[in-house]
Structures are given as C-alpha cells and as structure tokens.
Protein backbone atom coordinates (compact mmCIF):
# COMPACT_ATOMS: atom_id res chain seq x y z
CA MET A 1 19.49 4.73 2.39
CA LEU A 2 18.42 2.44 -0.44
CA LYS A 3 15.13 0.64 -1.08
CA ILE A 4 15.13 -2.12 -3.70
CA GLY A 5 11.77 -3.66 -4.44
CA ILE A 6 9.42 -5.03 -7.05
CA SER A 7 8.44 -1.53 -8.26
CA GLY A 8 12.02 -0.34 -8.81
CA VAL A 9 14.86 1.21 -6.85
CA ARG A 10 14.73 4.27 -4.59
CA GLY A 11 17.42 5.98 -2.55
CA ILE A 12 19.35 9.09 -1.58
CA VAL A 13 21.34 10.33 -4.54
CA GLY A 14 25.09 10.69 -4.08
CA THR A 15 25.37 8.20 -1.23
CA SER A 16 23.26 5.09 -1.62
CA MET A 17 22.27 5.45 -5.27
CA PRO A 18 25.23 6.26 -7.60
CA PRO A 19 24.85 6.33 -11.42
CA THR A 20 26.46 2.88 -11.71
CA LEU A 21 23.58 1.39 -9.72
CA ILE A 22 21.10 3.15 -12.02
CA MET A 23 22.87 1.69 -15.05
CA ASP A 24 22.67 -1.82 -13.61
CA PHE A 25 18.94 -1.51 -12.90
CA ALA A 26 18.25 0.02 -16.30
CA SER A 27 20.19 -2.84 -17.91
CA ALA A 28 18.09 -5.32 -15.96
CA PHE A 29 14.93 -3.62 -17.19
CA GLY A 30 16.28 -3.68 -20.75
CA ALA A 31 16.70 -7.44 -20.43
CA PHE A 32 13.19 -7.72 -19.00
CA VAL A 33 11.56 -5.91 -21.97
CA ASP A 34 13.66 -8.06 -24.34
CA HIS A 35 15.08 -5.20 -26.44
CA LYS A 36 11.67 -3.60 -27.07
CA PRO A 37 11.31 0.22 -27.06
CA VAL A 38 11.22 2.00 -23.70
CA VAL A 39 9.54 5.32 -22.88
CA LEU A 40 11.50 7.48 -20.43
CA GLY A 41 10.46 10.49 -18.37
CA ARG A 42 11.66 12.34 -15.29
CA ASP A 43 10.60 14.82 -12.66
CA THR A 44 12.31 18.16 -11.94
CA ARG A 45 14.75 17.18 -9.18
CA ILE A 46 18.22 18.63 -9.78
CA HIS A 47 19.74 15.15 -10.01
CA SER A 48 17.13 13.67 -12.35
CA PRO A 49 19.11 14.65 -15.50
CA MET A 50 22.13 12.74 -14.14
CA LEU A 51 20.04 9.63 -13.53
CA ARG A 52 18.40 10.08 -16.92
CA ALA A 53 21.83 10.03 -18.63
CA ALA A 54 22.80 6.81 -16.85
CA CYS A 55 19.46 5.20 -17.63
CA VAL A 56 19.52 6.15 -21.32
CA SER A 57 23.08 4.86 -21.76
CA ALA A 58 22.25 1.50 -20.22
CA LEU A 59 19.03 1.03 -22.19
CA LEU A 60 20.66 1.93 -25.51
CA SER A 61 23.53 -0.44 -24.82
CA SER A 62 20.95 -3.16 -24.12
CA GLY A 63 19.55 -2.71 -27.61
CA CYS A 64 16.41 -0.82 -26.55
CA ASP A 65 15.21 2.20 -28.49
CA VAL A 66 14.43 5.00 -26.03
CA LEU A 67 11.71 7.61 -26.44
CA ASP A 68 12.64 10.47 -24.10
CA LEU A 69 9.71 12.62 -22.94
CA GLY A 70 11.90 14.91 -20.85
CA VAL A 71 10.22 16.36 -17.75
CA CYS A 72 6.98 14.41 -17.68
CA PRO A 73 4.41 13.45 -15.03
CA THR A 74 4.31 9.71 -14.46
CA PRO A 75 0.62 9.29 -15.48
CA ILE A 76 1.30 10.97 -18.83
CA LEU A 77 4.31 8.69 -19.35
CA GLN A 78 2.10 5.69 -18.58
CA LYS A 79 -0.45 6.82 -21.16
CA THR A 80 2.34 7.17 -23.71
CA VAL A 81 3.60 3.61 -23.10
CA ARG A 82 0.16 2.27 -23.98
CA ARG A 83 -0.37 4.61 -26.92
CA ARG A 84 3.02 3.82 -28.44
CA LYS A 85 2.74 0.08 -27.68
CA ALA A 86 6.20 0.23 -26.12
CA GLY A 87 7.86 -2.61 -24.24
CA GLY A 88 7.71 -0.59 -21.05
CA GLY A 89 8.58 2.68 -19.39
CA VAL A 90 10.87 4.16 -16.75
CA SER A 91 9.85 7.15 -14.66
CA ILE A 92 12.70 8.87 -12.84
CA THR A 93 10.97 10.31 -9.79
CA ALA A 94 10.77 9.82 -6.04
CA GLY A 95 7.19 11.10 -5.90
CA HIS A 96 6.46 12.23 -2.35
CA ASN A 97 10.03 11.84 -1.00
CA ASP A 98 12.10 14.94 -0.28
CA ILE A 99 14.60 16.48 -2.70
CA SER A 100 17.52 14.27 -1.62
CA TRP A 101 15.75 11.14 -2.90
CA ASN A 102 15.19 9.80 -6.38
CA ALA A 103 14.00 6.55 -7.92
CA LEU A 104 13.49 4.47 -11.03
CA ALA A 105 9.86 3.33 -11.27
CA PHE A 106 9.35 0.56 -13.82
CA ILE A 107 6.22 0.39 -15.96
CA GLY A 108 5.04 -2.60 -18.00
CA PRO A 109 3.77 -2.67 -21.59
CA GLU A 110 0.16 -1.99 -20.50
CA GLY A 111 1.21 1.30 -18.92
CA VAL A 112 0.86 -0.14 -15.42
CA PHE A 113 3.48 -0.42 -12.68
CA LEU A 114 5.02 -3.88 -12.72
CA ASN A 115 3.10 -6.50 -10.79
CA PRO A 116 4.98 -8.50 -8.11
CA PHE A 117 5.87 -11.31 -10.54
CA GLN A 118 7.24 -8.93 -13.18
CA GLY A 119 9.10 -6.99 -10.51
CA GLU A 120 10.75 -10.17 -9.24
CA GLU A 121 11.84 -10.97 -12.80
CA VAL A 122 13.59 -7.60 -13.10
CA LEU A 123 15.25 -8.19 -9.73
CA ASP A 124 16.45 -11.59 -10.92
CA PHE A 125 18.14 -9.95 -13.93
CA TYR A 126 19.68 -7.34 -11.62
CA HIS A 127 21.04 -9.79 -9.07
CA LEU A 128 22.50 -12.05 -11.78
CA GLY A 129 24.38 -9.04 -13.11
CA LYS A 130 25.03 -10.59 -16.50
CA PHE A 131 23.52 -8.02 -18.79
CA GLU A 132 23.47 -8.60 -22.51
CA LYS A 133 25.20 -5.81 -24.43
CA ALA A 134 24.18 -5.17 -28.01
CA ALA A 135 26.66 -5.14 -30.87
CA VAL A 136 27.27 -1.81 -32.56
CA ASP A 137 24.73 -2.47 -35.31
CA ASP A 138 22.08 -3.43 -32.75
CA LEU A 139 22.41 -0.54 -30.31
CA GLY A 140 19.21 1.28 -29.45
CA ARG A 141 18.32 4.66 -30.90
CA LEU A 142 17.34 7.73 -28.89
CA SER A 143 14.41 9.91 -29.94
CA PHE A 144 12.37 12.65 -28.30
CA ALA A 145 8.66 13.41 -28.13
CA GLU A 146 6.13 15.71 -26.45
CA ALA A 147 3.41 13.66 -24.80
CA ALA A 148 1.13 16.24 -23.13
CA GLU A 149 -0.99 17.17 -26.16
CA PRO A 150 -2.44 13.69 -26.87
CA TYR A 151 -2.89 13.08 -23.15
CA PHE A 152 -4.98 16.20 -22.60
CA ASP A 153 -6.95 15.54 -25.77
CA GLU A 154 -7.98 12.17 -24.31
CA LEU A 155 -8.73 13.74 -20.93
CA ARG A 156 -11.02 16.33 -22.53
CA VAL A 157 -13.02 13.56 -24.21
CA PHE A 158 -13.20 11.41 -21.06
CA LEU A 159 -14.47 14.23 -18.83
CA ASP A 160 -17.47 16.49 -19.33
CA ALA A 161 -15.26 19.43 -20.29
CA PRO A 162 -18.17 21.64 -21.48
CA ALA A 163 -19.84 21.36 -18.05
CA VAL A 164 -16.63 22.40 -16.27
CA ARG A 165 -16.07 25.23 -18.75
CA ALA A 166 -19.61 26.53 -18.21
CA ALA A 167 -19.09 26.64 -14.43
CA ARG A 168 -16.26 29.19 -14.83
CA PHE A 169 -14.39 27.95 -11.77
CA LYS A 170 -11.44 29.76 -10.26
CA VAL A 171 -8.88 27.14 -9.23
CA VAL A 172 -5.60 27.28 -7.29
CA ILE A 173 -3.05 24.55 -8.06
CA ASP A 174 0.27 24.13 -6.26
CA ALA A 175 2.52 21.93 -8.42
CA CYS A 176 5.40 22.04 -5.90
CA ALA A 177 7.76 22.89 -8.80
CA GLY A 178 7.39 19.28 -9.91
CA ALA A 179 6.78 17.53 -13.21
CA GLY A 180 3.21 18.81 -13.39
CA ALA A 181 4.29 22.46 -13.11
CA PRO A 182 4.84 23.19 -16.84
CA LEU A 183 1.44 21.66 -17.70
CA LEU A 184 -0.91 23.54 -15.37
CA GLY A 185 -1.83 26.04 -18.08
CA ARG A 186 -2.52 23.26 -20.56
CA PHE A 187 -4.74 21.51 -18.02
CA ALA A 188 -6.68 24.73 -17.34
CA GLU A 189 -7.13 25.29 -21.07
CA THR A 190 -8.43 21.72 -21.50
CA LEU A 191 -11.22 22.19 -18.95
CA GLY A 192 -11.74 25.91 -19.31
CA PHE A 193 -11.26 27.17 -15.75
CA ASP A 194 -9.41 30.24 -14.47
CA LEU A 195 -6.07 29.09 -13.11
CA ILE A 196 -4.13 30.57 -10.22
CA PRO A 197 -0.83 28.64 -10.31
CA ILE A 198 1.54 28.31 -7.38
CA ASN A 199 5.09 26.97 -7.53
CA ASP A 200 4.78 26.35 -11.26
CA GLU A 201 8.44 27.01 -12.07
CA PRO A 202 10.20 23.62 -12.58
CA ASN A 203 13.55 24.81 -11.22
CA GLY A 204 14.74 21.58 -9.58
CA PHE A 205 14.03 22.67 -6.00
CA PHE A 206 10.88 22.03 -4.01
CA PRO A 207 9.40 24.97 -2.06
CA HIS A 208 8.03 22.53 0.52
CA ASP A 209 7.77 18.81 1.23
CA PRO A 210 6.31 17.32 -1.98
CA GLU A 211 3.83 15.12 -0.12
CA PRO A 212 0.26 16.46 -0.68
CA ARG A 213 -0.89 16.84 2.91
CA PRO A 214 -2.49 19.69 4.90
CA ARG A 215 0.80 20.49 6.65
CA ASN A 216 2.25 21.46 3.25
CA ALA A 217 -0.76 23.49 2.09
CA ALA A 218 -0.31 26.76 4.01
CA GLN A 219 0.60 28.78 0.92
CA SER A 220 -2.27 27.34 -1.12
CA VAL A 221 -4.75 27.94 1.69
CA SER A 222 -3.74 31.60 1.83
CA VAL A 223 -4.15 32.03 -1.91
CA VAL A 224 -7.56 30.31 -1.94
CA LYS A 225 -8.70 32.62 0.86
CA ILE A 226 -7.37 35.81 -0.73
CA THR A 227 -8.64 35.09 -4.26
CA GLY A 228 -11.98 33.54 -3.34
CA ALA A 229 -11.15 30.46 -5.41
CA ASP A 230 -13.67 27.66 -5.81
CA ALA A 231 -11.09 24.95 -5.09
CA GLY A 232 -7.42 24.36 -4.46
CA PHE A 233 -5.24 21.37 -5.28
CA LEU A 234 -1.82 20.30 -4.00
CA LEU A 235 0.28 17.92 -6.12
CA ASN A 236 3.27 15.70 -5.43
CA SER A 237 6.41 15.89 -7.57
CA ASP A 238 5.24 13.54 -10.36
CA ALA A 239 1.54 14.52 -10.45
CA GLY A 240 0.38 11.12 -9.28
CA ARG A 241 -1.20 12.25 -5.99
CA VAL A 242 -3.35 15.22 -5.00
CA SER A 243 -4.98 16.69 -1.92
CA LEU A 244 -7.82 19.21 -1.80
CA ILE A 245 -8.54 22.66 -0.39
CA SER A 246 -12.17 23.73 -0.17
CA GLU A 247 -13.53 27.16 -1.06
CA THR A 248 -13.70 27.82 2.69
CA ALA A 249 -9.88 27.54 2.72
CA GLU A 250 -9.93 24.25 4.62
CA ALA A 251 -6.91 22.10 3.81
CA LEU A 252 -8.41 18.64 3.63
CA SER A 253 -6.59 15.47 4.54
CA GLU A 254 -5.28 13.60 1.51
CA GLU A 255 -7.60 10.81 2.67
CA PHE A 256 -10.60 12.73 1.28
CA THR A 257 -9.49 12.64 -2.36
CA PHE A 258 -10.22 8.99 -3.09
CA PRO A 259 -13.65 8.68 -1.40
CA LEU A 260 -14.86 11.95 -2.92
CA VAL A 261 -13.91 10.84 -6.43
CA ALA A 262 -15.18 7.31 -5.76
CA ASP A 263 -18.62 8.55 -4.74
CA ALA A 264 -18.96 10.42 -8.04
CA VAL A 265 -17.63 7.56 -10.20
CA LEU A 266 -19.64 4.81 -8.49
CA SER A 267 -22.87 6.82 -8.77
CA ARG A 268 -22.58 6.37 -12.55
CA HIS A 269 -20.66 3.09 -12.86
CA PRO A 270 -20.98 0.82 -9.80
CA GLY A 271 -18.49 -2.01 -9.40
CA PRO A 272 -15.57 -3.32 -7.33
CA VAL A 273 -13.31 -0.83 -5.57
CA VAL A 274 -9.68 -1.57 -4.67
CA THR A 275 -7.69 0.12 -1.93
CA ASN A 276 -5.04 -0.71 0.67
CA TYR A 277 -5.10 -1.56 4.35
CA SER A 278 -3.91 1.94 5.32
CA THR A 279 -6.75 3.91 3.71
CA SER A 280 -9.54 5.57 5.68
CA ARG A 281 -12.83 3.89 6.47
CA MET A 282 -14.48 6.65 4.46
CA ILE A 283 -14.05 4.55 1.34
CA GLU A 284 -15.78 1.61 3.07
CA ASP A 285 -18.77 3.83 3.81
CA VAL A 286 -18.90 5.17 0.25
CA ALA A 287 -18.65 1.69 -1.29
CA ARG A 288 -21.30 0.32 1.07
CA ALA A 289 -23.69 3.19 0.27
CA ARG A 290 -23.25 2.50 -3.45
CA ARG A 291 -23.59 -1.26 -2.83
CA CYS A 292 -20.15 -1.93 -4.30
CA PRO A 293 -17.63 -4.51 -3.05
CA LEU A 294 -14.42 -3.18 -1.49
CA ILE A 295 -11.18 -5.16 -1.76
CA ARG A 296 -8.18 -4.23 0.39
CA THR A 297 -4.61 -5.14 -0.48
CA ARG A 298 -1.09 -4.22 0.56
CA VAL A 299 0.21 -0.68 0.12
CA GLY A 300 1.93 0.05 -3.18
CA PRO A 301 1.02 0.38 -6.85
CA ALA A 302 2.17 -3.17 -7.69
CA HIS A 303 -0.39 -4.73 -5.35
CA ILE A 304 -3.16 -2.23 -6.04
CA PHE A 305 -3.09 -2.57 -9.82
CA MET A 306 -2.65 -6.33 -9.90
CA THR A 307 -5.74 -6.65 -7.69
CA LEU A 308 -7.61 -4.06 -9.78
CA GLU A 309 -7.09 -6.22 -12.87
CA GLN A 310 -7.90 -9.48 -11.10
CA GLU A 311 -11.13 -8.11 -9.63
CA ASP A 312 -12.16 -6.20 -12.77
CA GLY A 313 -12.37 -3.10 -10.60
CA ILE A 314 -14.09 0.16 -11.51
CA LEU A 315 -11.54 2.28 -9.66
CA ALA A 316 -8.68 2.10 -7.19
CA GLY A 317 -7.03 4.49 -4.80
CA GLU A 318 -4.99 5.06 -1.70
CA GLY A 319 -5.25 7.37 1.28
CA SER A 320 -2.12 9.13 0.05
CA GLY A 321 -4.20 11.01 -2.55
CA GLY A 322 -3.77 8.59 -5.46
CA VAL A 323 -6.80 7.75 -7.61
CA ALA A 324 -7.00 5.49 -10.67
CA VAL A 325 -9.97 4.98 -13.01
CA PRO A 326 -9.06 2.16 -15.43
CA ALA A 327 -11.67 3.32 -17.95
CA PHE A 328 -9.22 6.18 -18.56
CA GLN A 329 -6.03 4.40 -17.52
CA PRO A 330 -4.91 2.12 -14.67
CA ALA A 331 -2.62 4.71 -13.09
CA PHE A 332 -2.64 7.14 -10.18
CA ASP A 333 -3.34 10.37 -12.04
CA ALA A 334 -3.67 13.75 -10.31
CA PHE A 335 -4.89 15.53 -13.46
CA LEU A 336 -7.71 13.01 -13.83
CA ALA A 337 -8.57 13.25 -10.11
CA MET A 338 -8.69 17.05 -10.23
CA GLY A 339 -10.80 16.90 -13.38
CA LEU A 340 -13.28 14.50 -11.78
CA VAL A 341 -13.62 16.74 -8.71
CA LEU A 342 -14.29 19.81 -10.89
CA GLU A 343 -16.68 17.82 -13.09
CA THR A 344 -18.64 16.69 -10.01
CA MET A 345 -18.84 20.25 -8.70
CA ALA A 346 -20.04 21.47 -12.10
CA LYS A 347 -22.67 18.76 -12.69
CA THR A 348 -24.10 18.74 -9.16
CA GLY A 349 -23.91 22.50 -8.61
CA LYS A 350 -22.40 21.85 -5.17
CA ARG A 351 -19.41 23.61 -3.66
CA LEU A 352 -16.43 21.48 -2.70
CA SER A 353 -17.14 21.93 1.01
CA ALA A 354 -20.67 20.56 0.46
CA LEU A 355 -19.36 17.49 -1.39
CA VAL A 356 -16.87 16.82 1.39
CA GLY A 357 -19.61 17.41 3.94
CA GLN A 358 -21.51 14.44 2.53
CA LEU A 359 -18.65 12.12 3.52
CA PRO A 360 -18.37 10.64 7.02
CA ARG A 361 -15.73 12.32 9.17
CA TYR A 362 -13.05 10.30 10.89
CA HIS A 363 -9.81 11.39 12.48
CA ILE A 364 -6.63 9.82 11.17
CA VAL A 365 -3.10 10.18 12.58
CA LYS A 366 -0.02 9.18 10.57
CA GLU A 367 3.50 8.91 11.94
CA LYS A 368 6.70 7.20 10.85
CA VAL A 369 9.74 6.00 12.78
CA TYR A 370 13.19 5.20 11.42
CA CYS A 371 14.04 1.52 11.70
CA PRO A 372 17.00 -0.33 10.14
CA ALA A 373 15.78 -2.65 7.39
CA SER A 374 17.35 -5.65 9.12
CA ARG A 375 15.18 -5.09 12.21
CA ILE A 376 11.83 -4.11 10.72
CA HIS A 377 10.18 -7.54 10.64
CA GLY A 378 11.41 -8.45 14.12
CA VAL A 379 10.05 -5.20 15.52
CA ILE A 380 6.67 -5.75 13.88
CA SER A 381 6.55 -9.23 15.44
CA GLU A 382 7.15 -7.67 18.85
CA ILE A 383 4.47 -5.03 18.27
CA ALA A 384 2.03 -7.81 17.35
CA LYS A 385 2.23 -9.06 20.94
CA MET A 386 0.61 -5.79 22.07
CA PHE A 387 -2.54 -6.83 20.19
CA HIS A 388 -2.81 -10.32 21.67
CA GLY A 389 -6.44 -11.38 21.95
CA ARG A 390 -7.69 -8.75 19.49
CA ASP A 391 -8.92 -9.18 15.93
CA VAL A 392 -5.69 -8.72 13.95
CA ASP A 393 -5.23 -8.57 10.16
CA THR A 394 -1.73 -9.38 8.89
CA GLY A 395 -2.38 -8.58 5.21
CA ASP A 396 0.12 -5.70 5.46
CA GLY A 397 2.08 -5.50 8.68
CA ILE A 398 -0.22 -5.56 11.72
CA ARG A 399 -3.70 -4.01 11.62
CA ALA A 400 -6.04 -4.22 14.60
CA GLY A 401 -9.59 -2.89 14.69
CA ASP A 402 -12.14 -2.15 17.38
CA LYS A 403 -15.63 -0.62 17.47
CA TYR A 404 -14.15 2.88 17.29
CA GLY A 405 -11.52 2.52 14.58
CA TRP A 406 -8.23 0.79 13.77
CA ILE A 407 -4.47 1.04 14.03
CA GLN A 408 -1.78 -0.32 11.72
CA VAL A 409 1.99 -0.75 11.93
CA ARG A 410 3.74 -1.67 8.70
CA ALA A 411 7.07 -1.40 6.92
CA SER A 412 7.33 1.50 4.47
CA GLY A 413 7.84 0.51 0.86
CA THR A 414 9.74 3.69 0.04
CA GLU A 415 11.91 4.44 3.10
CA PRO A 416 13.64 2.52 5.93
CA MET A 417 10.76 3.43 8.18
CA LEU A 418 7.90 1.91 10.13
CA ARG A 419 4.61 3.65 9.46
CA VAL A 420 2.05 3.92 12.24
CA VAL A 421 -1.48 4.90 11.24
CA ALA A 422 -4.59 5.10 13.41
CA GLU A 423 -8.13 6.18 12.61
CA ASP A 424 -10.98 6.80 15.02
CA ARG A 425 -14.19 8.77 15.42
CA SER A 426 -12.35 10.59 18.21
CA LYS A 427 -9.23 12.61 17.42
CA GLU A 428 -7.97 12.05 20.97
CA ARG A 429 -8.34 8.28 20.77
CA ALA A 430 -6.56 8.15 17.39
CA ARG A 431 -3.67 10.19 18.80
CA ALA A 432 -3.48 8.05 21.93
CA LYS A 433 -3.35 4.83 19.88
CA VAL A 434 -0.43 6.12 17.85
CA ASP A 435 1.43 7.50 20.87
CA GLU A 436 1.20 4.13 22.62
CA ILE A 437 2.86 2.41 19.66
CA LEU A 438 5.47 5.16 19.28
CA GLN A 439 6.53 4.78 22.92
CA ALA A 440 6.91 1.03 22.47
CA LEU A 441 8.91 1.48 19.26
CA GLU A 442 11.24 3.95 20.94
CA LEU A 443 12.23 1.29 23.47
CA MET A 444 12.59 -1.44 20.83
CA ILE A 445 14.69 0.48 18.31
CA ARG A 446 17.16 2.14 20.69
C-alpha cells in the first residue's frame, strides 16, 4: 500500500515503500528547496533509521546541508525549521498509522506542512525524475543538533507556567513509545507538574495502536484511577495529536481536545477558527458562543494550514486530536495542547471533567473500509445517490446533514480506505447511519 500526495509519501515499509523510493522523494524535495538547508527528524519506528539514511544520502547528494535532530516530535522539528531559517524540513513518521507504516512529511520554510501548490511542485520534480546531483565540492554537509531545549524554553514563556506549577497537578502521559517519549520529563519540568509516564521507552515498538482514541487508552485509564491523577493524556507517535482522560478516569473521545482548547483560547483572543468537514459540531457550538467565525476545509494539514493563513485564523484543529495556535506556531502540537489544558485547569480552578462538562455532548461514530484507490471516487459517486434530495456538501467527499446530525463518506488521505463518520445527539442514530453506509459499501466493493 502506498499513498502519494501533496503532503508527502506514506506506505508500508518493505513492500510498497523501499529505500529507493525514499531517495527519489528526498531528491525531489531537495530540488524544491533549491539546495537550501533541510532539518530532518524521525519517530521511533524500527525502520525509521533506514529511511533516515536514504533521505540523508539523497539530500546531501542534492547539495542540501542537513541538520539531523534524531528522534524528534514533528512539532519540535517544525519550530526548528523556523528558528534556523532553513529551506524546509522532513519528518520521518507515519503519525497515527500502525508500526508497519512510515512516511516522509514535507515541511516548508515557515515550519508549516506544504500547501497544495507547494506539494504539487514537489510531485512534479518527483514524476520528472531528473534530479540534479551536486558536484563533489558542492555536496551538502551533515550536522546534528538537539532541538528540545529551545522549544521548551519558548513553550514556558508562551504558557502561564507559574500558574500550572502552583496547581501541583499529577499527570499521566502515555507517549506510546513514540517520538515524544524521551521528552516527557522535560515537559513536566517546564510546567512543574508531577509526571506519571507510561510507555516512555522509545524502543521502536508500539505497545498499542498509536492513534489517540479511547479504545487505546485502557492502560492510561487504569493508571489515572489508581494514582488519583488530575488528568491523563494519550499521544500519537510523533506528538502531533492528543486525547484526554479526566480525573474521573473517563477516556474522552479525541474530538474533545480541540473544542476544549478552543474555548480557552477564544475566551482571551477571539477570531476565526479553522477545522475540517469531519470534526464534531462541538467546535461550531464553541465558536458560536464566543461569536467567532468557523471555516471548514478538507481533511489534512495542507488544507487546514493554508486556510488558517488565508483567513488570519486564531487557531485550527481537527477531530483527530490535533490543535494548532499560530501565535505559538502553525503546527499540530500535542505538547502545546496539553499545556493549554493544564493552564486552563490551573487558572479556572476547575477539574478536567468540569471543563469537559461545559461542552455540548454529541455521539460520533468513526469507521473505515478498505477500497482500492482506483475505485474510491466511483464508489463515493454511488454513495452520493443515497443522499438524493438532501442537503449535501461535497467539500470533502460527501457530507449530508439533518436536524439531528450529519454523516460523511470520504477518501482517506493516509490509507487506501474510505472513512465513514456520523455524529448525532443520539448514539443509536449515529450508529445506524454508519451501519447503513457500511452495508452499501460492502455490496459495492466486493
């Protein structure tokens, strides 16, 4: 399985994504940045060092100096690109995908994932396949750096660290043995809370699915309950997304992260909010209550961050647990999101369950179905016929709403899958909406 798109390349290592493919894409990115320095980082997957070697070789041969950050969360890499004024960055990580997957995620000179136009330019270089190779005197140079210290220094200044420190929180964080694992202690030191780490050994293997969702939070829930922690957090493999666990040991849907942070941010700095078509209506309610415009766009960082810039947005996020506050940096950043949650708890004096209790409750059901890439668009066209006569939005796949909620069918940007998402005030209605689509897809994709 291989997914090539405007944000980079993603696939199963050893079958669809050999090192030669990585070298070709890295060479294309080297041509795109026009020989300027590139910042490189990776997550902890056992094959990430192999991909790193291929990527470094190609970039150096393209005449790009490479600053290697080693194992590094993507948001910290993005901060480093901006701080160093580099030509761009490459993060070797498949984020929420399982251990068999990996990816190259390309980052532009502003520390932001490439927008659709930049991504198409990289793809043009790749498809042409005529990569410029530097002469021996012009080859790039490889250097190494540690990027966490300046990042956490900036985070301490951005957040009200003294308020969090004074609250003396006890916090459980499950890093899923990912890129954030080695930095949990540094994060706790920055904000002054008592840390109870889980899966903080970056050994190359994930103890569970790295997607931050309640189904993967059983271990964290148990630890929160046993220790009486004030909050729990569950990260994905590159520390870009996070889900929450309340002090009552409730594993909250990843959909709660964005609206909870948004309510706190917009209370101080109102302005436009950007999200995608698959994110819960909770964010609509929060934005409306704060009298802030909400702009929806297609799923994926490329679309989110291009729209964020165009609309001069105050923050952006997705229902997957990603939150970005451009005043800090235009990047999905789990450390920032966790810090903002703890800061809100400290400054309001409210427990996490009380903050979540202020948000409207909906029921959301998410499923995915394998579909060959060649058939995805045809299948979506057939599904559209099921919504004939209804108010349909085609901004990203098919999205149909009614007075109770909505349902969406769209192509995944990271896997050869169709994603089916429904939200409703009634859990039973949400489940029934999804099941109806799943039954239809089963007949279409046989």
